[in-house]
PDB file of N, CA and C in Angstrom:
ATOM      1  N   MET A   1      23.120 -58.218  -5.704  1.00  0.00           N
ATOM      2  CA  MET A   1      22.078 -57.658  -4.857  1.00  0.00           C
ATOM      3  C   MET A   1      21.600 -56.348  -5.482  1.00  0.00           C
ATOM      4  N   THR A   2      20.299 -56.207  -5.634  1.00  0.00           N
ATOM      5  CA  THR A   2      19.756 -54.996  -6.253  1.00  0.00           C
ATOM      6  C   THR A   2      19.679 -53.856  -5.236  1.00  0.00           C
ATOM      7  N   ARG A   3      19.521 -52.669  -5.766  1.00  0.00           N
ATOM      8  CA  ARG A   3      19.387 -51.486  -4.904  1.00  0.00           C
ATOM      9  C   ARG A   3      18.186 -51.663  -3.969  1.00  0.00           C
ATOM     10  N   GLU A   4      17.087 -52.167  -4.523  1.00  0.00           N
ATOM     11  CA  GLU A   4      15.868 -52.363  -3.736  1.00  0.00           C
ATOM     12  C   GLU A   4      16.108 -53.342  -2.583  1.00  0.00           C
ATOM     13  N   GLU A   5      16.849 -54.407  -2.845  1.00  0.00           N
ATOM     14  CA  GLU A   5      17.164 -55.388  -1.799  1.00  0.00           C
ATOM     15  C   GLU A   5      18.045 -54.779  -0.723  1.00  0.00           C
ATOM     16  N   ILE A   6      19.000 -53.954  -1.141  1.00  0.00           N
ATOM     17  CA  ILE A   6      19.882 -53.285  -0.181  1.00  0.00           C
ATOM     18  C   ILE A   6      19.064 -52.376   0.729  1.00  0.00           C
ATOM     19  N   VAL A   7      18.212 -51.548   0.132  1.00  0.00           N
ATOM     20  CA  VAL A   7      17.389 -50.608   0.907  1.00  0.00           C
ATOM     21  C   VAL A   7      16.530 -51.368   1.917  1.00  0.00           C
ATOM     22  N   LYS A   8      15.874 -52.401   1.448  1.00  0.00           N
ATOM     23  CA  LYS A   8      14.976 -53.179   2.307  1.00  0.00           C
ATOM     24  C   LYS A   8      15.741 -53.828   3.465  1.00  0.00           C
ATOM     25  N   GLN A   9      16.882 -54.451   3.149  1.00  0.00           N
ATOM     26  CA  GLN A   9      17.652 -55.145   4.177  1.00  0.00           C
ATOM     27  C   GLN A   9      18.293 -54.168   5.164  1.00  0.00           C
ATOM     28  N   VAL A  10      18.863 -53.087   4.653  1.00  0.00           N
ATOM     29  CA  VAL A  10      19.486 -52.088   5.529  1.00  0.00           C
ATOM     30  C   VAL A  10      18.441 -51.505   6.478  1.00  0.00           C
ATOM     31  N   ASN A  11      17.288 -51.126   5.948  1.00  0.00           N
ATOM     32  CA  ASN A  11      16.234 -50.557   6.792  1.00  0.00           C
ATOM     33  C   ASN A  11      15.807 -51.535   7.871  1.00  0.00           C
ATOM     34  N   SER A  12      15.659 -52.788   7.518  1.00  0.00           N
ATOM     35  CA  SER A  12      15.262 -53.811   8.479  1.00  0.00           C
ATOM     36  C   SER A  12      16.320 -53.986   9.565  1.00  0.00           C
ATOM     37  N   LEU A  13      17.584 -54.067   9.160  1.00  0.00           N
ATOM     38  CA  LEU A  13      18.677 -54.219  10.121  1.00  0.00           C
ATOM     39  C   LEU A  13      18.756 -53.039  11.081  1.00  0.00           C
ATOM     40  N   LEU A  14      18.686 -51.829  10.524  1.00  0.00           N
ATOM     41  CA  LEU A  14      18.815 -50.630  11.348  1.00  0.00           C
ATOM     42  C   LEU A  14      17.625 -50.466  12.288  1.00  0.00           C
ATOM     43  N   ALA A  15      16.433 -50.782  11.805  1.00  0.00           N
ATOM     44  CA  ALA A  15      15.234 -50.673  12.644  1.00  0.00           C
ATOM     45  C   ALA A  15      15.353 -51.606  13.846  1.00  0.00           C
ATOM     46  N   GLU A  16      15.843 -52.818  13.593  1.00  0.00           N
ATOM     47  CA  GLU A  16      15.984 -53.785  14.684  1.00  0.00           C
ATOM     48  C   GLU A  16      17.121 -53.398  15.629  1.00  0.00           C
ATOM     49  N   GLU A  17      18.268 -53.060  15.078  1.00  0.00           N
ATOM     50  CA  GLU A  17      19.452 -52.759  15.885  1.00  0.00           C
ATOM     51  C   GLU A  17      19.263 -51.514  16.759  1.00  0.00           C
ATOM     52  N   PHE A  18      18.656 -50.467  16.194  1.00  0.00           N
ATOM     53  CA  PHE A  18      18.552 -49.195  16.904  1.00  0.00           C
ATOM     54  C   PHE A  18      17.144 -48.914  17.432  1.00  0.00           C
ATOM     55  N   GLU A  19      16.261 -49.897  17.271  1.00  0.00           N
ATOM     56  CA  GLU A  19      14.896 -49.816  17.793  1.00  0.00           C
ATOM     57  C   GLU A  19      14.185 -48.535  17.354  1.00  0.00           C
ATOM     58  N   VAL A  20      14.205 -48.320  16.047  1.00  0.00           N
ATOM     59  CA  VAL A  20      13.554 -47.167  15.431  1.00  0.00           C
ATOM     60  C   VAL A  20      12.622 -47.697  14.347  1.00  0.00           C
ATOM     61  N   ASN A  21      11.465 -47.084  14.204  1.00  0.00           N
ATOM     62  CA  ASN A  21      10.513 -47.508  13.185  1.00  0.00           C
ATOM     63  C   ASN A  21      11.076 -47.218  11.794  1.00  0.00           C
ATOM     64  N   ALA A  22      11.115 -48.244  10.949  1.00  0.00           N
ATOM     65  CA  ALA A  22      11.701 -48.106   9.609  1.00  0.00           C
ATOM     66  C   ALA A  22      10.956 -47.105   8.729  1.00  0.00           C
ATOM     67  N   THR A  23       9.728 -46.752   9.079  1.00  0.00           N
ATOM     68  CA  THR A  23       9.001 -45.757   8.280  1.00  0.00           C
ATOM     69  C   THR A  23       9.665 -44.379   8.377  1.00  0.00           C
ATOM     70  N   ASN A  24      10.534 -44.185   9.372  1.00  0.00           N
ATOM     71  CA  ASN A  24      11.268 -42.927   9.509  1.00  0.00           C
ATOM     72  C   ASN A  24      12.444 -42.833   8.546  1.00  0.00           C
ATOM     73  N   PHE A  25      12.783 -43.935   7.881  1.00  0.00           N
ATOM     74  CA  PHE A  25      13.958 -43.983   7.021  1.00  0.00           C
ATOM     75  C   PHE A  25      13.614 -43.542   5.600  1.00  0.00           C
ATOM     76  N   THR A  26      13.579 -42.250   5.384  1.00  0.00           N
ATOM     77  CA  THR A  26      13.365 -41.736   4.035  1.00  0.00           C
ATOM     78  C   THR A  26      14.744 -41.506   3.408  1.00  0.00           C
ATOM     79  N   PRO A  27      14.842 -41.568   2.088  1.00  0.00           N
ATOM     80  CA  PRO A  27      16.157 -41.437   1.436  1.00  0.00           C
ATOM     81  C   PRO A  27      16.936 -40.189   1.845  1.00  0.00           C
ATOM     82  N   ASP A  28      16.238 -39.076   2.066  1.00  0.00           N
ATOM     83  CA  ASP A  28      16.930 -37.829   2.396  1.00  0.00           C
ATOM     84  C   ASP A  28      17.036 -37.547   3.891  1.00  0.00           C
ATOM     85  N   ALA A  29      16.535 -38.467   4.726  1.00  0.00           N
ATOM     86  CA  ALA A  29      16.613 -38.274   6.182  1.00  0.00           C
ATOM     87  C   ALA A  29      18.062 -38.420   6.647  1.00  0.00           C
ATOM     88  N   ASN A  30      18.434 -37.642   7.651  1.00  0.00           N
ATOM     89  CA  ASN A  30      19.770 -37.713   8.218  1.00  0.00           C
ATOM     90  C   ASN A  30      19.893 -38.982   9.066  1.00  0.00           C
ATOM     91  N   VAL A  31      20.886 -39.791   8.776  1.00  0.00           N
ATOM     92  CA  VAL A  31      21.066 -41.079   9.457  1.00  0.00           C
ATOM     93  C   VAL A  31      21.283 -40.891  10.956  1.00  0.00           C
ATOM     94  N   LYS A  32      22.203 -40.005  11.315  1.00  0.00           N
ATOM     95  CA  LYS A  32      22.544 -39.821  12.735  1.00  0.00           C
ATOM     96  C   LYS A  32      21.347 -39.311  13.536  1.00  0.00           C
ATOM     97  N   GLU A  33      20.614 -38.355  12.967  1.00  0.00           N
ATOM     98  CA  GLU A  33      19.457 -37.797  13.676  1.00  0.00           C
ATOM     99  C   GLU A  33      18.322 -38.807  13.765  1.00  0.00           C
ATOM    100  N   THR A  34      18.036 -39.490  12.660  1.00  0.00           N
ATOM    101  CA  THR A  34      16.923 -40.439  12.623  1.00  0.00           C
ATOM    102  C   THR A  34      17.147 -41.595  13.580  1.00  0.00           C
ATOM    103  N   LEU A  35      18.387 -42.077  13.639  1.00  0.00           N
ATOM    104  CA  LEU A  35      18.704 -43.209  14.522  1.00  0.00           C
ATOM    105  C   LEU A  35      19.157 -42.748  15.903  1.00  0.00           C
ATOM    106  N   ASN A  36      19.240 -41.435  16.098  1.00  0.00           N
ATOM    107  CA  ASN A  36      19.688 -40.856  17.358  1.00  0.00           C
ATOM    108  C   ASN A  36      21.048 -41.421  17.770  1.00  0.00           C
ATOM    109  N   LEU A  37      22.008 -41.346  16.840  1.00  0.00           N
ATOM    110  CA  LEU A  37      23.326 -41.939  17.053  1.00  0.00           C
ATOM    111  C   LEU A  37      24.280 -40.989  17.766  1.00  0.00           C
ATOM    112  N   ASP A  38      24.972 -41.544  18.751  1.00  0.00           N
ATOM    113  CA  ASP A  38      26.111 -40.833  19.331  1.00  0.00           C
ATOM    114  C   ASP A  38      27.361 -41.493  18.746  1.00  0.00           C
ATOM    115  N   SER A  39      28.539 -41.083  19.176  1.00  0.00           N
ATOM    116  CA  SER A  39      29.757 -41.620  18.560  1.00  0.00           C
ATOM    117  C   SER A  39      29.901 -43.126  18.780  1.00  0.00           C
ATOM    118  N   LEU A  40      29.449 -43.629  19.915  1.00  0.00           N
ATOM    119  CA  LEU A  40      29.547 -45.061  20.193  1.00  0.00           C
ATOM    120  C   LEU A  40      28.595 -45.873  19.316  1.00  0.00           C
ATOM    121  N   SER A  41      27.351 -45.403  19.188  1.00  0.00           N
ATOM    122  CA  SER A  41      26.397 -46.142  18.365  1.00  0.00           C
ATOM    123  C   SER A  41      26.719 -46.006  16.872  1.00  0.00           C
ATOM    124  N   LEU A  42      27.460 -44.962  16.518  1.00  0.00           N
ATOM    125  CA  LEU A  42      27.917 -44.823  15.139  1.00  0.00           C
ATOM    126  C   LEU A  42      28.911 -45.947  14.814  1.00  0.00           C
ATOM    127  N   VAL A  43      29.734 -46.296  15.786  1.00  0.00           N
ATOM    128  CA  VAL A  43      30.662 -47.419  15.630  1.00  0.00           C
ATOM    129  C   VAL A  43      29.860 -48.712  15.437  1.00  0.00           C
ATOM    130  N   ASP A  44      28.762 -48.855  16.167  1.00  0.00           N
ATOM    131  CA  ASP A  44      27.897 -50.034  16.005  1.00  0.00           C
ATOM    132  C   ASP A  44      27.338 -50.108  14.584  1.00  0.00           C
ATOM    133  N   LEU A  45      26.945 -48.962  14.048  1.00  0.00           N
ATOM    134  CA  LEU A  45      26.417 -48.914  12.681  1.00  0.00           C
ATOM    135  C   LEU A  45      27.474 -49.374  11.683  1.00  0.00           C
ATOM    136  N   VAL A  46      28.680 -48.864  11.816  1.00  0.00           N
ATOM    137  CA  VAL A  46      29.777 -49.244  10.919  1.00  0.00           C
ATOM    138  C   VAL A  46      30.062 -50.743  11.040  1.00  0.00           C
ATOM    139  N   ALA A  47      30.086 -51.264  12.272  1.00  0.00           N
ATOM    140  CA  ALA A  47      30.340 -52.689  12.494  1.00  0.00           C
ATOM    141  C   ALA A  47      29.235 -53.546  11.877  1.00  0.00           C
ATOM    142  N   LEU A  48      28.002 -53.099  12.000  1.00  0.00           N
ATOM    143  CA  LEU A  48      26.864 -53.829  11.441  1.00  0.00           C
ATOM    144  C   LEU A  48      26.971 -53.912   9.916  1.00  0.00           C
ATOM    145  N   VAL A  49      27.307 -52.799   9.281  1.00  0.00           N
ATOM    146  CA  VAL A  49      27.467 -52.772   7.822  1.00  0.00           C
ATOM    147  C   VAL A  49      28.628 -53.682   7.413  1.00  0.00           C
ATOM    148  N   GLN A  50      29.728 -53.589   8.149  1.00  0.00           N
ATOM    149  CA  GLN A  50      30.899 -54.395   7.813  1.00  0.00           C
ATOM    150  C   GLN A  50      30.599 -55.889   7.963  1.00  0.00           C
ATOM    151  N   GLN A  51      29.938 -56.245   9.046  1.00  0.00           N
ATOM    152  CA  GLN A  51      29.621 -57.646   9.306  1.00  0.00           C
ATOM    153  C   GLN A  51      28.617 -58.188   8.289  1.00  0.00           C
ATOM    154  N   THR A  52      27.615 -57.414   7.955  1.00  0.00           N
ATOM    155  CA  THR A  52      26.549 -57.870   7.061  1.00  0.00           C
ATOM    156  C   THR A  52      26.966 -57.890   5.602  1.00  0.00           C
ATOM    157  N   TYR A  53      27.642 -56.838   5.174  1.00  0.00           N
ATOM    158  CA  TYR A  53      27.938 -56.680   3.748  1.00  0.00           C
ATOM    159  C   TYR A  53      29.412 -56.839   3.379  1.00  0.00           C
ATOM    160  N   LYS A  54      30.267 -57.043   4.368  1.00  0.00           N
ATOM    161  CA  LYS A  54      31.721 -57.128   4.128  1.00  0.00           C
ATOM    162  C   LYS A  54      32.225 -55.843   3.469  1.00  0.00           C
ATOM    163  N   VAL A  55      31.636 -54.726   3.898  1.00  0.00           N
ATOM    164  CA  VAL A  55      32.004 -53.403   3.383  1.00  0.00           C
ATOM    165  C   VAL A  55      32.589 -52.596   4.533  1.00  0.00           C
ATOM    166  N   LYS A  56      33.859 -52.204   4.398  1.00  0.00           N
ATOM    167  CA  LYS A  56      34.492 -51.380   5.429  1.00  0.00           C
ATOM    168  C   LYS A  56      34.212 -49.910   5.129  1.00  0.00           C
ATOM    169  N   ILE A  57      33.900 -49.162   6.186  1.00  0.00           N
ATOM    170  CA  ILE A  57      33.673 -47.728   6.028  1.00  0.00           C
ATOM    171  C   ILE A  57      34.733 -46.996   6.848  1.00  0.00           C
ATOM    172  N   PRO A  58      35.784 -46.515   6.192  1.00  0.00           N
ATOM    173  CA  PRO A  58      36.800 -45.756   6.936  1.00  0.00           C
ATOM    174  C   PRO A  58      36.228 -44.430   7.438  1.00  0.00           C
ATOM    175  N   ALA A  59      36.813 -43.906   8.495  1.00  0.00           N
ATOM    176  CA  ALA A  59      36.322 -42.660   9.099  1.00  0.00           C
ATOM    177  C   ALA A  59      36.241 -41.533   8.075  1.00  0.00           C
ATOM    178  N   SER A  60      37.181 -41.495   7.150  1.00  0.00           N
ATOM    179  CA  SER A  60      37.174 -40.426   6.142  1.00  0.00           C
ATOM    180  C   SER A  60      35.935 -40.517   5.246  1.00  0.00           C
ATOM    181  N   ASP A  61      35.471 -41.730   4.961  1.00  0.00           N
ATOM    182  CA  ASP A  61      34.267 -41.907   4.148  1.00  0.00           C
ATOM    183  C   ASP A  61      33.000 -41.704   4.963  1.00  0.00           C
ATOM    184  N   LEU A  62      33.075 -42.010   6.238  1.00  0.00           N
ATOM    185  CA  LEU A  62      31.905 -41.913   7.111  1.00  0.00           C
ATOM    186  C   LEU A  62      31.357 -40.484   7.162  1.00  0.00           C
ATOM    187  N   ARG A  63      32.243 -39.509   7.090  1.00  0.00           N
ATOM    188  CA  ARG A  63      31.811 -38.102   7.103  1.00  0.00           C
ATOM    189  C   ARG A  63      30.879 -37.779   5.937  1.00  0.00           C
ATOM    190  N   GLY A  64      31.043 -38.481   4.821  1.00  0.00           N
ATOM    191  CA  GLY A  64      30.239 -38.219   3.637  1.00  0.00           C
ATOM    192  C   GLY A  64      28.893 -38.920   3.651  1.00  0.00           C
ATOM    193  N   ILE A  65      28.685 -39.780   4.632  1.00  0.00           N
ATOM    194  CA  ILE A  65      27.419 -40.513   4.717  1.00  0.00           C
ATOM    195  C   ILE A  65      26.503 -39.776   5.689  1.00  0.00           C
ATOM    196  N   GLN A  66      25.706 -38.892   5.124  1.00  0.00           N
ATOM    197  CA  GLN A  66      24.803 -38.082   5.940  1.00  0.00           C
ATOM    198  C   GLN A  66      23.374 -38.618   5.910  1.00  0.00           C
ATOM    199  N   THR A  67      22.922 -39.009   4.713  1.00  0.00           N
ATOM    200  CA  THR A  67      21.535 -39.442   4.539  1.00  0.00           C
ATOM    201  C   THR A  67      21.468 -40.952   4.316  1.00  0.00           C
ATOM    202  N   PHE A  68      20.270 -41.488   4.389  1.00  0.00           N
ATOM    203  CA  PHE A  68      20.091 -42.915   4.112  1.00  0.00           C
ATOM    204  C   PHE A  68      20.482 -43.224   2.667  1.00  0.00           C
ATOM    205  N   ASN A  69      20.177 -42.309   1.756  1.00  0.00           N
ATOM    206  CA  ASN A  69      20.570 -42.487   0.362  1.00  0.00           C
ATOM    207  C   ASN A  69      22.085 -42.622   0.244  1.00  0.00           C
ATOM    208  N   ASN A  70      22.828 -41.782   0.978  1.00  0.00           N
ATOM    209  CA  ASN A  70      24.293 -41.875   0.979  1.00  0.00           C
ATOM    210  C   ASN A  70      24.742 -43.253   1.459  1.00  0.00           C
ATOM    211  N   LEU A  71      24.085 -43.758   2.501  1.00  0.00           N
ATOM    212  CA  LEU A  71      24.437 -45.065   3.050  1.00  0.00           C
ATOM    213  C   LEU A  71      24.154 -46.174   2.040  1.00  0.00           C
ATOM    214  N   TYR A  72      22.982 -46.146   1.422  1.00  0.00           N
ATOM    215  CA  TYR A  72      22.637 -47.162   0.416  1.00  0.00           C
ATOM    216  C   TYR A  72      23.633 -47.101  -0.754  1.00  0.00           C
ATOM    217  N   ASP A  73      23.946 -45.882  -1.209  1.00  0.00           N
ATOM    218  CA  ASP A  73      24.886 -45.710  -2.321  1.00  0.00           C
ATOM    219  C   ASP A  73      26.249 -46.291  -1.968  1.00  0.00           C
ATOM    220  N   TYR A  74      26.690 -45.999  -0.753  1.00  0.00           N
ATOM    221  CA  TYR A  74      28.013 -46.464  -0.325  1.00  0.00           C
ATOM    222  C   TYR A  74      28.074 -47.993  -0.308  1.00  0.00           C
ATOM    223  N   ILE A  75      27.066 -48.598   0.297  1.00  0.00           N
ATOM    224  CA  ILE A  75      27.032 -50.058   0.360  1.00  0.00           C
ATOM    225  C   ILE A  75      26.968 -50.644  -1.054  1.00  0.00           C
ATOM    226  N   GLU A  76      26.092 -50.100  -1.868  1.00  0.00           N
ATOM    227  CA  GLU A  76      25.919 -50.609  -3.230  1.00  0.00           C
ATOM    228  C   GLU A  76      27.227 -50.519  -4.034  1.00  0.00           C
ATOM    229  N   SER A  77      27.930 -49.405  -3.909  1.00  0.00           N
ATOM    230  CA  SER A  77      29.138 -49.219  -4.704  1.00  0.00           C
ATOM    231  C   SER A  77      30.354 -49.964  -4.144  1.00  0.00           C
ATOM    232  N   HIS A  78      30.280 -50.414  -2.889  1.00  0.00           N
ATOM    233  CA  HIS A  78      31.419 -51.095  -2.282  1.00  0.00           C
ATOM    234  C   HIS A  78      31.187 -52.581  -2.024  1.00  0.00           C
ATOM    235  N   LEU A  79      30.041 -53.095  -2.449  1.00  0.00           N
ATOM    236  CA  LEU A  79      29.773 -54.529  -2.260  1.00  0.00           C
ATOM    237  C   LEU A  79      30.816 -55.351  -3.013  1.00  0.00           C
ATOM    238  N   PRO A  80      31.327 -56.396  -2.364  1.00  0.00           N
ATOM    239  CA  PRO A  80      32.256 -57.285  -3.082  1.00  0.00           C
ATOM    240  C   PRO A  80      31.546 -57.906  -4.282  1.00  0.00           C
ATOM    241  N   GLN A  81      32.203 -57.917  -5.405  1.00  0.00           N
ATOM    242  CA  GLN A  81      31.608 -58.490  -6.616  1.00  0.00           C
ATOM    243  C   GLN A  81      31.657 -60.012  -6.550  1.00  0.00           C
ATOM    244  N   ALA A  82      30.538 -60.625  -6.902  1.00  0.00           N
ATOM    245  CA  ALA A  82      30.456 -62.091  -6.828  1.00  0.00           C
ATOM    246  C   ALA A  82      31.207 -62.729  -7.986  1.00  0.00           C
TER     247      ALA A  82
END
């Protein structure tokens, strides 16, 4: 899966799940603020990533995912190799 495919799919999933316009998802935008996430919806985000990409995000790593770019990087670097 290419970086471009990841970005496109993640944006589409998040826009649908959190009912936010995907045009708000700029690489440097803060994920929590843009999606208006509280601690419960943050768990939903982690579950969505895990279910879709088979990528687990431990709490210790979650702190480092501030921007959409961080999220794309994390998914890209942790995707199971085919």
